[in-house]
Amino acid sequence: PDVGILLGDTGQMQFRDNALKISSTIDGQLDIDADTEVEITANTVDLNGALDVSGNVTVGASLQTATIDYTDGDLAITISDGGAVTTSGNLTVGGTISGGNITASSLMANDIATGDDNVTITTSSEKTIAITSGVGAALTLTSGAALNINPATGSAVVLDGTINVDAGVVTGATSITSVTQV
């Protein structure tokens, strides 16, 4: 008395038919079976423990968590609190990367799959593309062929500071001008 309903090892509570039931198939496990859907209606559903989902997870609003981790063997991706994305493999973007700054400790053309080995950085009108290096650090642009700088007609290429041309001969140039600004 006053303890509750005790069902034996094979006992179960059935609703409507034997496809809707609550039972225990092994010690320590509670089975809730339904042939279509299990609906839990509450302001908060509190699950304490690991959640093992063998099908898809569909969320009607937002999924809020400190991190989202995906691990498949040795490849992993983590989306951290604050939005930082870290991956142990290659990152392939099918659309456009837009927004704030794109920062990488190593960004190489061979790491960017474009289909034709070209990397193009474009911006909307009246925007500037800046490639900078840290204070005291050199900025090196390297090409296996010609390195082309093509400003709009009538626009200047401005190089501030000392300019060194190593082991090269300037040919076909209409002019090279040094301007000292006061």
N, C-alpha and C. Protein backbone atom coordinates (compact mmCIF):
# COMPACT_ATOMS: atom_id res chain seq x y z
N PRO A 1 0.83 -1.21 0.00
CA PRO A 1 0.00 0.00 0.00
C PRO A 1 0.87 1.26 0.00
N ASP A 2 0.38 2.30 -0.59
CA ASP A 2 1.01 3.63 -0.67
C ASP A 2 2.37 3.61 -1.38
N VAL A 3 2.71 2.57 -2.13
CA VAL A 3 3.98 2.49 -2.85
C VAL A 3 3.76 2.76 -4.33
N GLY A 4 2.67 2.30 -4.91
CA GLY A 4 2.37 2.50 -6.32
C GLY A 4 2.01 1.19 -6.97
N ILE A 5 1.95 1.20 -8.28
CA ILE A 5 1.62 0.00 -9.04
C ILE A 5 2.92 -0.67 -9.45
N LEU A 6 3.06 -1.93 -9.15
CA LEU A 6 4.26 -2.69 -9.50
C LEU A 6 3.89 -3.69 -10.58
N LEU A 7 4.59 -3.58 -11.72
CA LEU A 7 4.39 -4.55 -12.80
C LEU A 7 5.58 -5.49 -12.81
N GLY A 8 5.36 -6.74 -13.04
CA GLY A 8 6.44 -7.72 -13.08
C GLY A 8 7.32 -7.53 -14.30
N ASP A 9 8.27 -8.46 -14.48
CA ASP A 9 9.26 -8.36 -15.56
C ASP A 9 8.62 -8.21 -16.94
N THR A 10 7.53 -8.88 -17.20
CA THR A 10 6.91 -8.84 -18.53
C THR A 10 5.67 -7.98 -18.55
N GLY A 11 5.32 -7.34 -17.43
CA GLY A 11 4.12 -6.52 -17.37
C GLY A 11 4.28 -5.23 -18.13
N GLN A 12 3.18 -4.69 -18.61
CA GLN A 12 3.20 -3.43 -19.35
C GLN A 12 1.85 -2.75 -19.23
N MET A 13 1.88 -1.43 -19.35
CA MET A 13 0.64 -0.66 -19.40
C MET A 13 0.38 -0.35 -20.87
N GLN A 14 -0.79 -0.76 -21.36
CA GLN A 14 -1.13 -0.53 -22.76
C GLN A 14 -2.25 0.50 -22.85
N PHE A 15 -2.20 1.26 -23.96
CA PHE A 15 -3.21 2.27 -24.22
C PHE A 15 -3.75 2.04 -25.63
N ARG A 16 -5.05 1.90 -25.78
CA ARG A 16 -5.74 1.68 -27.06
C ARG A 16 -5.43 0.30 -27.66
N ASP A 17 -4.14 -0.02 -27.90
CA ASP A 17 -3.75 -1.33 -28.42
C ASP A 17 -2.34 -1.64 -27.92
N ASN A 18 -1.79 -2.78 -28.30
CA ASN A 18 -0.48 -3.17 -27.76
C ASN A 18 0.70 -2.42 -28.40
N ALA A 19 0.46 -1.49 -29.36
CA ALA A 19 1.53 -0.68 -29.95
C ALA A 19 1.82 0.56 -29.10
N LEU A 20 0.91 0.93 -28.21
CA LEU A 20 1.10 2.06 -27.29
C LEU A 20 1.24 1.51 -25.88
N LYS A 21 2.48 1.54 -25.37
CA LYS A 21 2.67 0.91 -24.07
C LYS A 21 3.87 1.49 -23.34
N ILE A 22 3.89 1.28 -22.03
CA ILE A 22 5.01 1.58 -21.17
C ILE A 22 5.39 0.27 -20.51
N SER A 23 6.68 -0.07 -20.62
CA SER A 23 7.14 -1.35 -20.06
C SER A 23 8.61 -1.24 -19.74
N SER A 24 9.19 -2.36 -19.30
CA SER A 24 10.62 -2.44 -19.04
C SER A 24 11.11 -3.77 -19.60
N THR A 25 11.92 -3.68 -20.68
CA THR A 25 12.38 -4.90 -21.31
C THR A 25 13.61 -5.47 -20.63
N ILE A 26 14.42 -4.61 -19.97
CA ILE A 26 15.56 -5.08 -19.18
C ILE A 26 15.64 -4.24 -17.92
N ASP A 27 16.32 -4.75 -16.91
CA ASP A 27 16.44 -4.05 -15.65
C ASP A 27 17.19 -2.71 -15.86
N GLY A 28 16.64 -1.64 -15.36
CA GLY A 28 17.26 -0.31 -15.46
C GLY A 28 16.81 0.48 -16.67
N GLN A 29 15.94 -0.07 -17.51
CA GLN A 29 15.50 0.62 -18.72
C GLN A 29 13.99 0.72 -18.75
N LEU A 30 13.47 1.93 -19.01
CA LEU A 30 12.04 2.15 -19.16
C LEU A 30 11.76 2.36 -20.63
N ASP A 31 10.84 1.61 -21.20
CA ASP A 31 10.47 1.71 -22.61
C ASP A 31 9.11 2.39 -22.73
N ILE A 32 9.07 3.43 -23.54
CA ILE A 32 7.81 4.07 -23.90
C ILE A 32 7.67 3.87 -25.39
N ASP A 33 6.72 3.07 -25.82
CA ASP A 33 6.57 2.70 -27.22
C ASP A 33 5.28 3.30 -27.79
N ALA A 34 5.40 3.84 -29.00
CA ALA A 34 4.24 4.34 -29.73
C ALA A 34 4.49 4.09 -31.20
N ASP A 35 3.43 3.71 -31.93
CA ASP A 35 3.62 3.41 -33.35
C ASP A 35 3.68 4.66 -34.22
N THR A 36 3.37 5.85 -33.68
CA THR A 36 3.44 7.08 -34.46
C THR A 36 4.23 8.18 -33.76
N GLU A 37 3.86 8.54 -32.54
CA GLU A 37 4.47 9.70 -31.89
C GLU A 37 4.33 9.61 -30.39
N VAL A 38 5.38 10.08 -29.68
CA VAL A 38 5.30 10.29 -28.24
C VAL A 38 5.30 11.79 -28.05
N GLU A 39 4.25 12.33 -27.47
CA GLU A 39 4.14 13.78 -27.28
C GLU A 39 4.26 14.10 -25.80
N ILE A 40 5.19 15.00 -25.49
CA ILE A 40 5.34 15.49 -24.12
C ILE A 40 5.06 16.98 -24.17
N THR A 41 4.06 17.42 -23.45
CA THR A 41 3.69 18.83 -23.45
C THR A 41 4.00 19.41 -22.08
N ALA A 42 4.92 20.36 -22.05
CA ALA A 42 5.31 21.02 -20.80
C ALA A 42 6.08 22.28 -21.14
N ASN A 43 6.17 23.22 -20.22
CA ASN A 43 6.99 24.41 -20.44
C ASN A 43 8.47 24.04 -20.54
N THR A 44 8.90 23.08 -19.75
CA THR A 44 10.29 22.62 -19.77
C THR A 44 10.31 21.11 -19.67
N VAL A 45 11.10 20.48 -20.52
CA VAL A 45 11.36 19.05 -20.41
C VAL A 45 12.83 18.94 -20.02
N ASP A 46 13.11 18.41 -18.86
CA ASP A 46 14.46 18.36 -18.31
C ASP A 46 14.98 16.93 -18.44
N LEU A 47 15.98 16.73 -19.31
CA LEU A 47 16.59 15.42 -19.48
C LEU A 47 17.98 15.47 -18.87
N ASN A 48 18.26 14.62 -17.93
CA ASN A 48 19.56 14.57 -17.27
C ASN A 48 20.26 13.29 -17.69
N GLY A 49 21.24 13.43 -18.57
CA GLY A 49 21.97 12.27 -19.07
C GLY A 49 22.19 12.42 -20.55
N ALA A 50 22.86 11.44 -21.12
CA ALA A 50 23.15 11.46 -22.55
C ALA A 50 21.87 11.22 -23.32
N LEU A 51 21.72 11.88 -24.46
CA LEU A 51 20.56 11.71 -25.32
C LEU A 51 21.02 11.00 -26.58
N ASP A 52 20.52 9.79 -26.82
CA ASP A 52 20.91 9.00 -27.97
C ASP A 52 19.75 9.01 -28.95
N VAL A 53 19.93 9.71 -30.08
CA VAL A 53 18.87 9.83 -31.08
C VAL A 53 19.32 9.06 -32.31
N SER A 54 18.54 8.08 -32.73
CA SER A 54 18.92 7.29 -33.90
C SER A 54 18.35 7.86 -35.19
N GLY A 55 17.46 8.84 -35.11
CA GLY A 55 16.89 9.46 -36.31
C GLY A 55 17.28 10.93 -36.39
N ASN A 56 16.58 11.69 -37.19
CA ASN A 56 16.85 13.11 -37.35
C ASN A 56 16.31 13.90 -36.16
N VAL A 57 16.96 15.03 -35.88
CA VAL A 57 16.49 15.95 -34.84
C VAL A 57 15.95 17.18 -35.56
N THR A 58 14.70 17.52 -35.33
CA THR A 58 14.07 18.69 -35.91
C THR A 58 13.72 19.64 -34.79
N VAL A 59 14.17 20.89 -34.92
CA VAL A 59 13.92 21.90 -33.90
C VAL A 59 13.04 22.98 -34.52
N GLY A 60 11.93 23.29 -33.86
CA GLY A 60 10.99 24.27 -34.40
C GLY A 60 11.45 25.70 -34.23
N ALA A 61 12.27 25.99 -33.26
CA ALA A 61 12.78 27.34 -33.03
C ALA A 61 14.30 27.29 -33.09
N SER A 62 14.98 27.83 -32.10
CA SER A 62 16.44 27.82 -32.13
C SER A 62 16.98 26.72 -31.22
N LEU A 63 18.17 26.24 -31.58
CA LEU A 63 18.88 25.27 -30.77
C LEU A 63 19.92 26.03 -29.97
N GLN A 64 19.81 26.05 -28.66
CA GLN A 64 20.70 26.83 -27.82
C GLN A 64 21.55 25.90 -26.97
N THR A 65 22.87 26.08 -27.10
CA THR A 65 23.80 25.25 -26.36
C THR A 65 25.13 25.99 -26.26
N ALA A 66 25.99 25.57 -25.37
CA ALA A 66 27.31 26.21 -25.24
C ALA A 66 28.16 25.92 -26.46
N THR A 67 28.17 24.68 -26.95
CA THR A 67 28.89 24.32 -28.17
C THR A 67 28.10 23.28 -28.93
N ILE A 68 28.32 23.23 -30.23
CA ILE A 68 27.79 22.16 -31.07
C ILE A 68 29.01 21.42 -31.60
N ASP A 69 29.11 20.15 -31.30
CA ASP A 69 30.25 19.35 -31.71
C ASP A 69 29.78 18.23 -32.62
N TYR A 70 30.51 18.00 -33.70
CA TYR A 70 30.26 16.87 -34.57
C TYR A 70 31.58 16.15 -34.75
N THR A 71 31.61 14.87 -34.46
CA THR A 71 32.83 14.08 -34.60
C THR A 71 32.50 12.83 -35.39
N ASP A 72 33.29 12.58 -36.43
CA ASP A 72 33.13 11.38 -37.24
C ASP A 72 34.53 10.82 -37.48
N GLY A 73 34.98 9.91 -36.64
CA GLY A 73 36.34 9.40 -36.74
C GLY A 73 37.33 10.48 -36.35
N ASP A 74 38.19 10.88 -37.28
CA ASP A 74 39.20 11.89 -36.96
C ASP A 74 38.82 13.29 -37.42
N LEU A 75 37.67 13.46 -38.09
CA LEU A 75 37.23 14.78 -38.51
C LEU A 75 36.23 15.32 -37.51
N ALA A 76 36.36 16.61 -37.19
CA ALA A 76 35.46 17.20 -36.21
C ALA A 76 35.19 18.65 -36.57
N ILE A 77 34.03 19.15 -36.17
CA ILE A 77 33.69 20.56 -36.29
C ILE A 77 33.04 20.99 -34.99
N THR A 78 33.40 22.17 -34.52
CA THR A 78 32.83 22.71 -33.30
C THR A 78 32.37 24.14 -33.56
N ILE A 79 31.16 24.45 -33.14
CA ILE A 79 30.66 25.83 -33.15
C ILE A 79 30.58 26.23 -31.69
N SER A 80 31.45 27.15 -31.28
CA SER A 80 31.57 27.53 -29.87
C SER A 80 30.62 28.65 -29.50
N ASP A 81 30.44 28.82 -28.20
CA ASP A 81 29.70 29.95 -27.68
C ASP A 81 30.36 31.22 -28.22
N GLY A 82 29.62 32.09 -28.83
CA GLY A 82 30.17 33.29 -29.46
C GLY A 82 30.27 33.14 -30.97
N GLY A 83 30.07 31.92 -31.50
CA GLY A 83 29.99 31.73 -32.94
C GLY A 83 31.24 31.29 -33.65
N ALA A 84 32.36 31.09 -32.97
CA ALA A 84 33.59 30.66 -33.65
C ALA A 84 33.40 29.24 -34.17
N VAL A 85 33.82 29.00 -35.42
CA VAL A 85 33.73 27.68 -36.03
C VAL A 85 35.14 27.12 -36.16
N THR A 86 35.35 25.91 -35.62
CA THR A 86 36.65 25.25 -35.69
C THR A 86 36.44 23.90 -36.35
N THR A 87 37.29 23.59 -37.33
CA THR A 87 37.21 22.29 -37.98
C THR A 87 38.60 21.68 -38.06
N SER A 88 38.66 20.36 -37.96
CA SER A 88 39.95 19.67 -38.08
C SER A 88 40.22 19.28 -39.52
N GLY A 89 39.26 19.49 -40.40
CA GLY A 89 39.43 19.16 -41.82
C GLY A 89 39.29 20.40 -42.67
N ASN A 90 39.02 20.21 -43.95
CA ASN A 90 38.84 21.31 -44.88
C ASN A 90 37.46 21.92 -44.72
N LEU A 91 37.35 23.20 -44.97
CA LEU A 91 36.06 23.89 -44.91
C LEU A 91 35.65 24.21 -46.33
N THR A 92 34.52 23.68 -46.76
CA THR A 92 33.99 23.93 -48.09
C THR A 92 32.73 24.76 -47.94
N VAL A 93 32.70 25.90 -48.61
CA VAL A 93 31.55 26.79 -48.54
C VAL A 93 30.91 26.81 -49.92
N GLY A 94 29.66 26.43 -50.00
CA GLY A 94 28.96 26.42 -51.27
C GLY A 94 28.40 27.77 -51.66
N GLY A 95 28.31 28.67 -50.70
CA GLY A 95 27.76 29.99 -50.97
C GLY A 95 28.79 31.07 -50.74
N THR A 96 28.37 32.19 -50.21
CA THR A 96 29.21 33.35 -50.01
C THR A 96 29.57 33.48 -48.54
N ILE A 97 30.83 33.82 -48.26
CA ILE A 97 31.24 34.17 -46.91
C ILE A 97 31.14 35.69 -46.82
N SER A 98 30.36 36.18 -45.90
CA SER A 98 30.20 37.62 -45.80
C SER A 98 30.18 38.01 -44.33
N GLY A 99 30.34 39.29 -44.08
CA GLY A 99 30.29 39.78 -42.71
C GLY A 99 31.55 40.50 -42.34
N GLY A 100 32.02 40.24 -41.15
CA GLY A 100 33.19 40.94 -40.60
C GLY A 100 34.49 40.49 -41.23
N ASN A 101 35.51 40.40 -40.43
CA ASN A 101 36.85 40.07 -40.90
C ASN A 101 37.01 38.57 -41.10
N ILE A 102 37.79 38.20 -42.10
CA ILE A 102 38.18 36.81 -42.29
C ILE A 102 39.65 36.74 -41.90
N THR A 103 39.95 35.97 -40.87
CA THR A 103 41.31 35.89 -40.35
C THR A 103 41.78 34.44 -40.42
N ALA A 104 42.99 34.26 -40.90
CA ALA A 104 43.56 32.91 -40.94
C ALA A 104 45.05 33.01 -40.72
N SER A 105 45.60 32.06 -39.99
CA SER A 105 47.05 32.06 -39.80
C SER A 105 47.76 31.59 -41.07
N SER A 106 47.08 30.82 -41.88
CA SER A 106 47.64 30.36 -43.15
C SER A 106 46.51 30.22 -44.15
N LEU A 107 46.51 31.05 -45.17
CA LEU A 107 45.48 30.98 -46.21
C LEU A 107 46.21 30.85 -47.54
N MET A 108 46.14 29.68 -48.15
CA MET A 108 46.89 29.42 -49.37
C MET A 108 45.92 29.09 -50.49
N ALA A 109 46.29 29.47 -51.72
CA ALA A 109 45.44 29.21 -52.86
C ALA A 109 45.16 27.72 -53.03
N ASN A 110 46.11 26.86 -52.69
CA ASN A 110 45.88 25.43 -52.81
C ASN A 110 44.83 24.93 -51.83
N ASP A 111 44.56 25.70 -50.78
CA ASP A 111 43.56 25.31 -49.79
C ASP A 111 42.17 25.80 -50.15
N ILE A 112 42.06 26.59 -51.22
CA ILE A 112 40.77 27.13 -51.63
C ILE A 112 40.38 26.44 -52.93
N ALA A 113 39.34 25.64 -52.90
CA ALA A 113 38.92 24.93 -54.09
C ALA A 113 37.97 25.81 -54.89
N THR A 114 38.43 26.27 -56.04
CA THR A 114 37.59 27.12 -56.88
C THR A 114 37.28 26.46 -58.21
N GLY A 115 37.90 25.34 -58.50
CA GLY A 115 37.66 24.65 -59.76
C GLY A 115 38.64 25.03 -60.85
N ASP A 116 39.19 26.23 -60.82
CA ASP A 116 40.12 26.63 -61.87
C ASP A 116 41.40 27.21 -61.29
N ASP A 117 41.69 26.94 -60.03
CA ASP A 117 42.90 27.37 -59.35
C ASP A 117 43.05 28.89 -59.22
N ASN A 118 41.99 29.63 -59.46
CA ASN A 118 42.03 31.08 -59.28
C ASN A 118 41.34 31.45 -57.98
N VAL A 119 41.90 32.41 -57.29
CA VAL A 119 41.28 32.93 -56.09
C VAL A 119 40.95 34.39 -56.38
N THR A 120 39.69 34.73 -56.26
CA THR A 120 39.27 36.09 -56.55
C THR A 120 38.64 36.69 -55.31
N ILE A 121 39.11 37.86 -54.93
CA ILE A 121 38.53 38.59 -53.82
C ILE A 121 37.86 39.81 -54.43
N THR A 122 36.57 39.91 -54.25
CA THR A 122 35.84 41.06 -54.80
C THR A 122 35.09 41.75 -53.68
N THR A 123 34.73 42.96 -53.93
CA THR A 123 33.97 43.72 -52.95
C THR A 123 32.97 44.59 -53.69
N SER A 124 31.95 45.03 -52.99
CA SER A 124 30.98 45.90 -53.63
C SER A 124 31.63 47.26 -53.92
N SER A 125 30.96 48.08 -54.69
CA SER A 125 31.54 49.37 -55.08
C SER A 125 31.91 50.21 -53.88
N GLU A 126 32.98 50.98 -54.06
CA GLU A 126 33.48 51.92 -53.06
C GLU A 126 33.92 51.26 -51.76
N LYS A 127 34.31 50.02 -51.85
CA LYS A 127 34.86 49.32 -50.69
C LYS A 127 36.33 49.03 -50.96
N THR A 128 37.10 48.88 -49.91
CA THR A 128 38.53 48.63 -50.03
C THR A 128 38.84 47.21 -49.56
N ILE A 129 39.68 46.53 -50.31
CA ILE A 129 40.20 45.24 -49.88
C ILE A 129 41.59 45.51 -49.32
N ALA A 130 41.79 45.20 -48.06
CA ALA A 130 43.08 45.45 -47.43
C ALA A 130 43.73 44.13 -47.05
N ILE A 131 44.97 43.98 -47.45
CA ILE A 131 45.78 42.83 -47.03
C ILE A 131 46.90 43.42 -46.19
N THR A 132 46.91 43.13 -44.91
CA THR A 132 47.87 43.77 -44.02
C THR A 132 48.69 42.72 -43.28
N SER A 133 49.82 43.16 -42.79
CA SER A 133 50.65 42.31 -41.94
C SER A 133 50.85 43.05 -40.62
N GLY A 134 51.28 42.32 -39.62
CA GLY A 134 51.48 42.91 -38.30
C GLY A 134 52.61 43.93 -38.30
N VAL A 135 52.69 44.70 -37.24
CA VAL A 135 53.72 45.72 -37.10
C VAL A 135 55.10 45.06 -37.19
N GLY A 136 55.94 45.58 -38.09
CA GLY A 136 57.29 45.03 -38.25
C GLY A 136 57.36 43.76 -39.07
N ALA A 137 56.21 43.25 -39.51
CA ALA A 137 56.19 42.02 -40.29
C ALA A 137 56.08 42.35 -41.77
N ALA A 138 56.75 41.59 -42.60
CA ALA A 138 56.70 41.80 -44.04
C ALA A 138 55.43 41.21 -44.62
N LEU A 139 54.93 41.85 -45.67
CA LEU A 139 53.81 41.31 -46.42
C LEU A 139 54.39 40.84 -47.75
N THR A 140 54.25 39.56 -48.05
CA THR A 140 54.82 38.99 -49.26
C THR A 140 53.70 38.49 -50.15
N LEU A 141 53.69 38.94 -51.39
CA LEU A 141 52.78 38.42 -52.40
C LEU A 141 53.64 37.62 -53.37
N THR A 142 53.36 36.34 -53.52
CA THR A 142 54.19 35.46 -54.34
C THR A 142 53.33 34.87 -55.44
N SER A 143 53.87 34.83 -56.63
CA SER A 143 53.16 34.24 -57.76
C SER A 143 54.14 33.41 -58.57
N GLY A 144 53.67 32.30 -59.13
CA GLY A 144 54.50 31.48 -60.00
C GLY A 144 54.63 32.07 -61.38
N ALA A 145 53.86 33.09 -61.67
CA ALA A 145 53.92 33.80 -62.96
C ALA A 145 53.92 35.29 -62.65
N ALA A 146 53.42 36.09 -63.55
CA ALA A 146 53.41 37.54 -63.34
C ALA A 146 52.50 37.89 -62.17
N LEU A 147 52.87 38.92 -61.45
CA LEU A 147 52.02 39.46 -60.39
C LEU A 147 51.44 40.76 -60.94
N ASN A 148 50.15 40.75 -61.18
CA ASN A 148 49.50 41.89 -61.82
C ASN A 148 48.76 42.74 -60.81
N ILE A 149 48.95 44.04 -60.91
CA ILE A 149 48.18 45.01 -60.14
C ILE A 149 47.49 45.88 -61.18
N ASN A 150 46.18 45.79 -61.24
CA ASN A 150 45.43 46.47 -62.29
C ASN A 150 44.41 47.43 -61.66
N PRO A 151 44.79 48.67 -61.42
CA PRO A 151 43.82 49.62 -60.89
C PRO A 151 42.89 50.09 -62.01
N ALA A 152 41.81 50.73 -61.63
CA ALA A 152 40.89 51.30 -62.62
C ALA A 152 41.62 52.37 -63.42
N THR A 153 41.18 52.59 -64.64
CA THR A 153 41.80 53.60 -65.51
C THR A 153 41.82 54.94 -64.80
N GLY A 154 43.00 55.55 -64.79
CA GLY A 154 43.15 56.85 -64.14
C GLY A 154 43.47 56.77 -62.67
N SER A 155 43.44 55.57 -62.08
CA SER A 155 43.76 55.40 -60.66
C SER A 155 45.22 55.03 -60.51
N ALA A 156 45.81 55.48 -59.44
CA ALA A 156 47.24 55.25 -59.22
C ALA A 156 47.47 54.00 -58.38
N VAL A 157 48.66 53.43 -58.54
CA VAL A 157 49.16 52.41 -57.62
C VAL A 157 50.11 53.14 -56.70
N VAL A 158 49.79 53.19 -55.41
CA VAL A 158 50.57 53.96 -54.44
C VAL A 158 51.39 53.00 -53.61
N LEU A 159 52.70 53.18 -53.62
CA LEU A 159 53.60 52.37 -52.81
C LEU A 159 54.34 53.33 -51.89
N ASP A 160 54.09 53.25 -50.60
CA ASP A 160 54.75 54.13 -49.64
C ASP A 160 55.99 53.46 -49.09
N GLY A 161 57.05 54.23 -48.87
CA GLY A 161 58.26 53.71 -48.27
C GLY A 161 59.29 53.37 -49.32
N THR A 162 60.28 52.60 -48.94
CA THR A 162 61.38 52.21 -49.83
C THR A 162 60.90 51.10 -50.75
N ILE A 163 61.23 51.25 -52.04
CA ILE A 163 60.84 50.25 -53.04
C ILE A 163 62.11 49.64 -53.60
N ASN A 164 62.23 48.32 -53.49
CA ASN A 164 63.38 47.60 -54.02
C ASN A 164 62.92 46.71 -55.16
N VAL A 165 63.64 46.77 -56.29
CA VAL A 165 63.39 45.86 -57.39
C VAL A 165 64.63 44.99 -57.50
N ASP A 166 64.48 43.69 -57.17
CA ASP A 166 65.62 42.78 -57.17
C ASP A 166 65.78 42.09 -58.52
N ALA A 167 66.99 42.11 -59.05
CA ALA A 167 67.40 41.34 -60.23
C ALA A 167 66.40 41.43 -61.36
N GLY A 168 65.80 42.57 -61.52
CA GLY A 168 64.82 42.70 -62.59
C GLY A 168 65.13 43.86 -63.49
N VAL A 169 64.62 43.77 -64.67
CA VAL A 169 64.76 44.85 -65.64
C VAL A 169 63.36 45.33 -65.96
N VAL A 170 63.16 46.63 -65.90
CA VAL A 170 61.86 47.20 -66.21
C VAL A 170 61.80 47.38 -67.72
N THR A 171 60.87 46.67 -68.36
CA THR A 171 60.75 46.78 -69.81
C THR A 171 59.32 47.12 -70.17
N GLY A 172 59.16 47.85 -71.23
CA GLY A 172 57.83 48.16 -71.74
C GLY A 172 57.04 49.11 -70.87
N ALA A 173 57.67 49.71 -69.89
CA ALA A 173 56.94 50.63 -69.02
C ALA A 173 56.92 52.00 -69.65
N THR A 174 55.80 52.66 -69.55
CA THR A 174 55.74 54.02 -70.09
C THR A 174 56.43 54.99 -69.15
N SER A 175 56.32 54.75 -67.84
CA SER A 175 57.04 55.60 -66.89
C SER A 175 57.04 54.99 -65.52
N ILE A 176 58.09 55.26 -64.79
CA ILE A 176 58.18 54.95 -63.36
C ILE A 176 58.51 56.28 -62.72
N THR A 177 57.64 56.73 -61.85
CA THR A 177 57.77 58.06 -61.28
C THR A 177 57.84 57.97 -59.77
N SER A 178 58.74 58.72 -59.19
CA SER A 178 58.84 58.82 -57.75
C SER A 178 58.35 60.19 -57.36
N VAL A 179 57.37 60.24 -56.47
CA VAL A 179 56.80 61.52 -56.06
C VAL A 179 57.04 61.69 -54.58
N THR A 180 57.61 62.79 -54.20
CA THR A 180 57.79 63.10 -52.79
C THR A 180 56.69 64.06 -52.39
N GLN A 181 55.91 63.64 -51.39
CA GLN A 181 54.84 64.50 -50.94
C GLN A 181 55.29 65.32 -49.76
N VAL A 182 54.87 66.57 -49.74
CA VAL A 182 55.26 67.46 -48.66
C VAL A 182 54.14 67.59 -47.68
